[in-house]
Amino acid sequence: MEQFLDNVVAENSDIGIDQDILIKLLLILNDKPSKEMSDLMAEDAEFATMNVFRPH
């Protein structure tokens, strides 16, 4: 998960996304917007890493 976050942050640094914002966006996409970073579980990391590539 850490490598995924680092890659996405690096690819989007021009728009000012940092890891905290990215994690919040991932939680929103996973329908868990009220979840805190301290509440993250393995399933949240799996959601992020399994959905890295989107079909165009």
PDB file of N, CA and C in Angstrom:
ATOM      1  N   MET A   1       0.833  -1.194   0.000  1.00  0.00           N
ATOM      2  CA  MET A   1       0.000   0.000   0.000  1.00  0.00           C
ATOM      3  C   MET A   1       0.873   1.252   0.000  1.00  0.00           C
ATOM      4  N   GLU A   2       1.949   1.218   0.763  1.00  0.00           N
ATOM      5  CA  GLU A   2       2.821   2.396   0.848  1.00  0.00           C
ATOM      6  C   GLU A   2       3.404   2.762  -0.514  1.00  0.00           C
ATOM      7  N   GLN A   3       3.815   1.747  -1.270  1.00  0.00           N
ATOM      8  CA  GLN A   3       4.368   2.008  -2.605  1.00  0.00           C
ATOM      9  C   GLN A   3       3.290   2.588  -3.523  1.00  0.00           C
ATOM     10  N   PHE A   4       2.087   2.061  -3.423  1.00  0.00           N
ATOM     11  CA  PHE A   4       0.967   2.583  -4.202  1.00  0.00           C
ATOM     12  C   PHE A   4       0.750   4.059  -3.888  1.00  0.00           C
ATOM     13  N   LEU A   5       0.710   4.404  -2.604  1.00  0.00           N
ATOM     14  CA  LEU A   5       0.503   5.798  -2.205  1.00  0.00           C
ATOM     15  C   LEU A   5       1.622   6.689  -2.718  1.00  0.00           C
ATOM     16  N   ASP A   6       2.855   6.227  -2.564  1.00  0.00           N
ATOM     17  CA  ASP A   6       3.995   7.015  -3.040  1.00  0.00           C
ATOM     18  C   ASP A   6       3.913   7.271  -4.541  1.00  0.00           C
ATOM     19  N   ASN A   7       3.541   6.246  -5.300  1.00  0.00           N
ATOM     20  CA  ASN A   7       3.441   6.396  -6.761  1.00  0.00           C
ATOM     21  C   ASN A   7       2.356   7.389  -7.151  1.00  0.00           C
ATOM     22  N   VAL A   8       1.194   7.261  -6.545  1.00  0.00           N
ATOM     23  CA  VAL A   8       0.084   8.149  -6.898  1.00  0.00           C
ATOM     24  C   VAL A   8       0.382   9.588  -6.489  1.00  0.00           C
ATOM     25  N   VAL A   9       0.962   9.769  -5.323  1.00  0.00           N
ATOM     26  CA  VAL A   9       1.318  11.119  -4.867  1.00  0.00           C
ATOM     27  C   VAL A   9       2.348  11.732  -5.822  1.00  0.00           C
ATOM     28  N   ALA A  10       3.346  10.959  -6.211  1.00  0.00           N
ATOM     29  CA  ALA A  10       4.374  11.472  -7.122  1.00  0.00           C
ATOM     30  C   ALA A  10       3.780  11.842  -8.484  1.00  0.00           C
ATOM     31  N   GLU A  11       2.852  11.018  -8.982  1.00  0.00           N
ATOM     32  CA  GLU A  11       2.241  11.275 -10.283  1.00  0.00           C
ATOM     33  C   GLU A  11       1.322  12.499 -10.260  1.00  0.00           C
ATOM     34  N   ASN A  12       0.842  12.876  -9.079  1.00  0.00           N
ATOM     35  CA  ASN A  12      -0.125  13.973  -8.972  1.00  0.00           C
ATOM     36  C   ASN A  12       0.370  15.121  -8.111  1.00  0.00           C
ATOM     37  N   SER A  13       1.654  15.245  -7.977  1.00  0.00           N
ATOM     38  CA  SER A  13       2.218  16.300  -7.132  1.00  0.00           C
ATOM     39  C   SER A  13       1.897  17.696  -7.657  1.00  0.00           C
ATOM     40  N   ASP A  14       1.668  17.801  -8.956  1.00  0.00           N
ATOM     41  CA  ASP A  14       1.376  19.102  -9.548  1.00  0.00           C
ATOM     42  C   ASP A  14       0.033  19.677  -9.095  1.00  0.00           C
ATOM     43  N   ILE A  15      -0.862  18.841  -8.590  1.00  0.00           N
ATOM     44  CA  ILE A  15      -2.145  19.340  -8.096  1.00  0.00           C
ATOM     45  C   ILE A  15      -2.208  19.345  -6.576  1.00  0.00           C
ATOM     46  N   GLY A  16      -1.090  19.042  -5.922  1.00  0.00           N
ATOM     47  CA  GLY A  16      -0.996  19.187  -4.476  1.00  0.00           C
ATOM     48  C   GLY A  16      -1.594  18.061  -3.655  1.00  0.00           C
ATOM     49  N   ILE A  17      -1.674  16.865  -4.210  1.00  0.00           N
ATOM     50  CA  ILE A  17      -2.200  15.736  -3.436  1.00  0.00           C
ATOM     51  C   ILE A  17      -1.091  15.155  -2.573  1.00  0.00           C
ATOM     52  N   ASP A  18      -1.394  15.002  -1.276  1.00  0.00           N
ATOM     53  CA  ASP A  18      -0.456  14.314  -0.396  1.00  0.00           C
ATOM     54  C   ASP A  18      -1.110  13.009   0.072  1.00  0.00           C
ATOM     55  N   GLN A  19      -0.397  12.224   0.871  1.00  0.00           N
ATOM     56  CA  GLN A  19      -0.920  10.920   1.272  1.00  0.00           C
ATOM     57  C   GLN A  19      -2.204  11.034   2.082  1.00  0.00           C
ATOM     58  N   ASP A  20      -2.317  12.017   2.945  1.00  0.00           N
ATOM     59  CA  ASP A  20      -3.523  12.169   3.749  1.00  0.00           C
ATOM     60  C   ASP A  20      -4.753  12.415   2.875  1.00  0.00           C
ATOM     61  N   ILE A  21      -4.612  13.294   1.908  1.00  0.00           N
ATOM     62  CA  ILE A  21      -5.725  13.584   0.999  1.00  0.00           C
ATOM     63  C   ILE A  21      -6.055  12.349   0.168  1.00  0.00           C
ATOM     64  N   LEU A  22      -5.040  11.678  -0.302  1.00  0.00           N
ATOM     65  CA  LEU A  22      -5.256  10.487  -1.120  1.00  0.00           C
ATOM     66  C   LEU A  22      -5.990   9.408  -0.334  1.00  0.00           C
ATOM     67  N   ILE A  23      -5.611   9.189   0.904  1.00  0.00           N
ATOM     68  CA  ILE A  23      -6.285   8.186   1.728  1.00  0.00           C
ATOM     69  C   ILE A  23      -7.741   8.570   1.957  1.00  0.00           C
ATOM     70  N   LYS A  24      -8.004   9.837   2.232  1.00  0.00           N
ATOM     71  CA  LYS A  24      -9.392  10.284   2.398  1.00  0.00           C
ATOM     72  C   LYS A  24     -10.196  10.063   1.113  1.00  0.00           C
ATOM     73  N   LEU A  25      -9.605  10.353  -0.045  1.00  0.00           N
ATOM     74  CA  LEU A  25     -10.291  10.121  -1.314  1.00  0.00           C
ATOM     75  C   LEU A  25     -10.583   8.638  -1.535  1.00  0.00           C
ATOM     76  N   LEU A  26      -9.639   7.786  -1.177  1.00  0.00           N
ATOM     77  CA  LEU A  26      -9.853   6.346  -1.310  1.00  0.00           C
ATOM     78  C   LEU A  26     -10.982   5.867  -0.399  1.00  0.00           C
ATOM     79  N   LEU A  27     -11.047   6.407   0.800  1.00  0.00           N
ATOM     80  CA  LEU A  27     -12.128   6.033   1.715  1.00  0.00           C
ATOM     81  C   LEU A  27     -13.483   6.490   1.175  1.00  0.00           C
ATOM     82  N   ILE A  28     -13.518   7.667   0.585  1.00  0.00           N
ATOM     83  CA  ILE A  28     -14.767   8.151  -0.018  1.00  0.00           C
ATOM     84  C   ILE A  28     -15.182   7.237  -1.170  1.00  0.00           C
ATOM     85  N   LEU A  29     -14.233   6.868  -2.011  1.00  0.00           N
ATOM     86  CA  LEU A  29     -14.543   5.974  -3.128  1.00  0.00           C
ATOM     87  C   LEU A  29     -14.995   4.599  -2.657  1.00  0.00           C
ATOM     88  N   ASN A  30     -14.546   4.205  -1.478  1.00  0.00           N
ATOM     89  CA  ASN A  30     -14.892   2.904  -0.912  1.00  0.00           C
ATOM     90  C   ASN A  30     -16.136   3.003  -0.025  1.00  0.00           C
ATOM     91  N   ASP A  31     -16.862   4.129  -0.106  1.00  0.00           N
ATOM     92  CA  ASP A  31     -18.091   4.377   0.661  1.00  0.00           C
ATOM     93  C   ASP A  31     -17.873   4.325   2.169  1.00  0.00           C
ATOM     94  N   LYS A  32     -16.740   4.825   2.632  1.00  0.00           N
ATOM     95  CA  LYS A  32     -16.451   4.887   4.061  1.00  0.00           C
ATOM     96  C   LYS A  32     -15.895   6.269   4.419  1.00  0.00           C
ATOM     97  N   PRO A  33     -16.620   7.338   4.070  1.00  0.00           N
ATOM     98  CA  PRO A  33     -16.064   8.686   4.240  1.00  0.00           C
ATOM     99  C   PRO A  33     -15.832   9.112   5.683  1.00  0.00           C
ATOM    100  N   SER A  34     -16.516   8.502   6.637  1.00  0.00           N
ATOM    101  CA  SER A  34     -16.340   8.921   8.029  1.00  0.00           C
ATOM    102  C   SER A  34     -15.231   8.147   8.738  1.00  0.00           C
ATOM    103  N   LYS A  35     -14.627   7.202   8.063  1.00  0.00           N
ATOM    104  CA  LYS A  35     -13.564   6.402   8.661  1.00  0.00           C
ATOM    105  C   LYS A  35     -12.303   7.248   8.820  1.00  0.00           C
ATOM    106  N   GLU A  36     -11.614   7.049   9.917  1.00  0.00           N
ATOM    107  CA  GLU A  36     -10.363   7.768  10.187  1.00  0.00           C
ATOM    108  C   GLU A  36      -9.171   6.910   9.769  1.00  0.00           C
ATOM    109  N   MET A  37      -8.028   7.552   9.563  1.00  0.00           N
ATOM    110  CA  MET A  37      -6.830   6.819   9.155  1.00  0.00           C
ATOM    111  C   MET A  37      -6.427   5.785  10.190  1.00  0.00           C
ATOM    112  N   SER A  38      -6.672   6.045  11.452  1.00  0.00           N
ATOM    113  CA  SER A  38      -6.322   5.080  12.493  1.00  0.00           C
ATOM    114  C   SER A  38      -7.229   3.852  12.462  1.00  0.00           C
ATOM    115  N   ASP A  39      -8.353   3.939  11.737  1.00  0.00           N
ATOM    116  CA  ASP A  39      -9.291   2.825  11.629  1.00  0.00           C
ATOM    117  C   ASP A  39      -9.086   1.986  10.374  1.00  0.00           C
ATOM    118  N   LEU A  40      -8.064   2.294   9.596  1.00  0.00           N
ATOM    119  CA  LEU A  40      -7.841   1.567   8.350  1.00  0.00           C
ATOM    120  C   LEU A  40      -7.580   0.095   8.628  1.00  0.00           C
ATOM    121  N   MET A  41      -8.096  -0.732   7.732  1.00  0.00           N
ATOM    122  CA  MET A  41      -7.923  -2.172   7.865  1.00  0.00           C
ATOM    123  C   MET A  41      -7.327  -2.719   6.575  1.00  0.00           C
ATOM    124  N   ALA A  42      -6.981  -3.974   6.594  1.00  0.00           N
ATOM    125  CA  ALA A  42      -6.392  -4.618   5.420  1.00  0.00           C
ATOM    126  C   ALA A  42      -7.313  -4.510   4.206  1.00  0.00           C
ATOM    127  N   GLU A  43      -8.622  -4.582   4.411  1.00  0.00           N
ATOM    128  CA  GLU A  43      -9.551  -4.504   3.278  1.00  0.00           C
ATOM    129  C   GLU A  43      -9.491  -3.144   2.590  1.00  0.00           C
ATOM    130  N   ASP A  44      -9.179  -2.087   3.335  1.00  0.00           N
ATOM    131  CA  ASP A  44      -9.053  -0.758   2.730  1.00  0.00           C
ATOM    132  C   ASP A  44      -7.814  -0.692   1.842  1.00  0.00           C
ATOM    133  N   ALA A  45      -6.735  -1.279   2.300  1.00  0.00           N
ATOM    134  CA  ALA A  45      -5.518  -1.324   1.487  1.00  0.00           C
ATOM    135  C   ALA A  45      -5.743  -2.177   0.250  1.00  0.00           C
ATOM    136  N   GLU A  46      -6.457  -3.270   0.419  1.00  0.00           N
ATOM    137  CA  GLU A  46      -6.741  -4.147  -0.713  1.00  0.00           C
ATOM    138  C   GLU A  46      -7.599  -3.435  -1.753  1.00  0.00           C
ATOM    139  N   PHE A  47      -8.594  -2.680  -1.308  1.00  0.00           N
ATOM    140  CA  PHE A  47      -9.433  -1.918  -2.242  1.00  0.00           C
ATOM    141  C   PHE A  47      -8.568  -0.980  -3.079  1.00  0.00           C
ATOM    142  N   ALA A  48      -7.656  -0.291  -2.414  1.00  0.00           N
ATOM    143  CA  ALA A  48      -6.804   0.672  -3.114  1.00  0.00           C
ATOM    144  C   ALA A  48      -5.884  -0.015  -4.110  1.00  0.00           C
ATOM    145  N   THR A  49      -5.225  -1.064  -3.687  1.00  0.00           N
ATOM    146  CA  THR A  49      -4.254  -1.710  -4.562  1.00  0.00           C
ATOM    147  C   THR A  49      -4.912  -2.520  -5.679  1.00  0.00           C
ATOM    148  N   MET A  50      -6.107  -3.039  -5.436  1.00  0.00           N
ATOM    149  CA  MET A  50      -6.802  -3.804  -6.479  1.00  0.00           C
ATOM    150  C   MET A  50      -7.412  -2.888  -7.540  1.00  0.00           C
ATOM    151  N   ASN A  51      -7.589  -1.616  -7.212  1.00  0.00           N
ATOM    152  CA  ASN A  51      -8.208  -0.688  -8.158  1.00  0.00           C
ATOM    153  C   ASN A  51      -7.224   0.362  -8.673  1.00  0.00           C
ATOM    154  N   VAL A  52      -5.962  -0.002  -8.719  1.00  0.00           N
ATOM    155  CA  VAL A  52      -4.929   0.917  -9.192  1.00  0.00           C
ATOM    156  C   VAL A  52      -5.154   1.277 -10.650  1.00  0.00           C
ATOM    157  N   PHE A  53      -5.387   0.294 -11.467  1.00  0.00           N
ATOM    158  CA  PHE A  53      -5.529   0.517 -12.906  1.00  0.00           C
ATOM    159  C   PHE A  53      -7.001   0.470 -13.276  1.00  0.00           C
ATOM    160  N   ARG A  54      -7.438   1.509 -13.944  1.00  0.00           N
ATOM    161  CA  ARG A  54      -8.814   1.561 -14.420  1.00  0.00           C
ATOM    162  C   ARG A  54      -8.808   1.393 -15.920  1.00  0.00           C
ATOM    163  N   PRO A  55      -9.759   0.630 -16.437  1.00  0.00           N
ATOM    164  CA  PRO A  55      -9.840   0.503 -17.897  1.00  0.00           C
ATOM    165  C   PRO A  55     -10.235   1.836 -18.519  1.00  0.00           C
ATOM    166  N   HIS A  56      -9.691   2.112 -19.662  1.00  0.00           N
ATOM    167  CA  HIS A  56      -9.984   3.382 -20.353  1.00  0.00           C
ATOM    168  C   HIS A  56     -11.071   3.199 -21.354  1.00  0.00           C
TER     169      HIS A  56
END
